[in-house]
Every structure is written in structure tokens, then in C-alpha cells.
Protein backbone atom coordinates (compact mmCIF):
# COMPACT_ATOMS: atom_id res chain seq x y z
CA UNK A 1 -38.09 -21.99 18.99
CA UNK A 2 -41.46 -24.06 18.79
CA UNK A 3 -43.93 -21.95 20.98
CA UNK A 4 -46.98 -24.79 22.69
CA UNK A 5 -49.65 -23.45 21.92
CA UNK A 6 -50.69 -21.74 24.98
CA UNK A 7 -52.65 -18.50 26.66
CA UNK A 8 -52.21 -19.19 30.51
CA UNK A 9 -49.12 -16.77 29.88
CA UNK A 10 -50.07 -14.11 27.32
CA UNK A 11 -51.31 -11.18 29.71
CA UNK A 12 -47.80 -12.11 31.94
CA UNK A 13 -45.99 -11.26 28.95
CA UNK A 14 -47.48 -8.30 27.56
CA UNK A 15 -46.76 -6.71 31.08
CA UNK A 16 -43.16 -7.74 31.67
CA UNK A 17 -42.52 -7.23 27.20
CA UNK A 18 -41.35 -3.69 27.66
CA UNK A 19 -38.70 -3.95 30.40
CA UNK A 20 -35.79 -4.31 29.51
CA UNK A 21 -33.38 -7.40 29.74
CA UNK A 22 -29.76 -6.61 32.11
CA UNK A 23 -26.71 -7.26 31.57
CA UNK A 24 -23.30 -7.39 33.48
CA UNK A 25 -19.77 -5.75 33.05
CA UNK A 26 -17.47 -7.81 33.40
CA UNK A 27 -14.75 -5.22 34.60
CA UNK A 28 -14.62 -4.83 38.56
CA UNK A 29 -13.93 -1.40 38.07
CA UNK A 30 -16.73 -0.67 36.28
CA UNK A 31 -18.72 3.06 37.15
CA UNK A 32 -21.86 1.84 36.99
CA UNK A 33 -24.34 0.91 40.14
CA UNK A 34 -23.27 -3.32 40.33
CA UNK A 35 -21.82 -3.01 37.48
CA UNK A 36 -25.29 -3.52 35.82
CA UNK A 37 -27.07 -1.87 32.50
CA UNK A 38 -29.94 -2.55 29.56
CA UNK A 39 -28.18 -5.65 28.06
CA UNK A 40 -28.59 -4.19 24.19
CA UNK A 41 -25.70 -1.95 25.36
CA UNK A 42 -23.26 -4.25 26.12
CA UNK A 43 -20.48 -5.32 23.81
CA UNK A 44 -18.64 -9.87 24.25
CA UNK A 45 -15.18 -9.86 24.05
CA UNK A 46 -14.51 -10.56 20.00
CA UNK A 47 -12.01 -13.09 20.82
CA UNK A 48 -13.82 -14.94 23.24
CA UNK A 49 -17.45 -14.04 23.92
CA UNK A 50 -17.36 -15.04 27.05
CA UNK A 51 -16.97 -11.60 29.01
CA UNK A 52 -19.08 -8.82 28.83
CA UNK A 53 -18.93 -4.87 28.74
CA UNK A 54 -20.44 -1.68 29.32
CA UNK A 55 -17.87 0.13 27.28
CA UNK A 56 -14.74 0.32 25.72
CA UNK A 57 -12.92 1.83 28.26
CA UNK A 58 -14.53 -1.46 30.81
CA UNK A 59 -13.07 -3.80 28.59
CA UNK A 60 -9.45 -1.68 28.50
CA UNK A 61 -9.14 -1.62 31.89
CA UNK A 62 -10.39 -5.75 32.69
CA UNK A 63 -7.77 -7.18 30.12
CA UNK A 64 -4.95 -8.12 32.46
CA UNK A 65 -7.56 -10.00 34.39
CA UNK A 66 -9.20 -11.22 31.22
CA UNK A 67 -6.33 -12.25 29.09
CA UNK A 68 -5.79 -15.99 30.43
CA UNK A 69 -9.05 -17.08 30.93
CA UNK A 70 -9.87 -15.25 27.58
CA UNK A 71 -7.47 -17.40 25.95
CA UNK A 72 -8.83 -20.44 28.01
CA UNK A 73 -12.35 -19.56 26.23
CA UNK A 74 -11.02 -19.30 22.90
CA UNK A 75 -8.90 -22.40 22.50
CA UNK A 76 -11.89 -24.19 24.33
CA UNK A 77 -14.48 -22.26 21.75
CA UNK A 78 -11.86 -23.78 18.48
CA UNK A 79 -12.16 -27.94 19.87
CA UNK A 80 -15.64 -27.84 19.37
CA UNK A 81 -15.85 -26.33 15.75
């Protein structure tokens, strides 16, 4: 990405760059409050890459509900590759 040479947001960037980004776990049974966790700790579904989970346990618990949309996203992704 090309950045526009502008320093108007440099101070704000320095202020927020150390704040961790938040990711959401797609499992309805997730034990975390509101399913929120640090984005760098989330893992995505290896088949469709559309769903994120905080742990393997959440992925397994959510599989029955995710299975249908996983197939849909995987097929859609295959059409565009």
C-alpha cells in the first residue's frame, strides 16, 4: 500500500499502535465475554477462512452450525480462483 506523505495523523498513530486489535470468536458457545479476544490469537477455519475461533474447542463446538456456510464459502472461493 502506498501511504500519502502526510504527518497530520502521526501523533494519533503513535498513541494507538500499541493497543491490541480485537477479534470475535464465531462460536455461540464461546466462554469469553462477548466472544472477544485479541485478533492475533484467533484462528480461522482452514477450509473457508471466513470464520474465526479463539480455540480448537470453540471450532469443534460450532462445526454443526458452520458446516453449511463453510461449504458455501469454499465453493464461492473456488469459483473465483
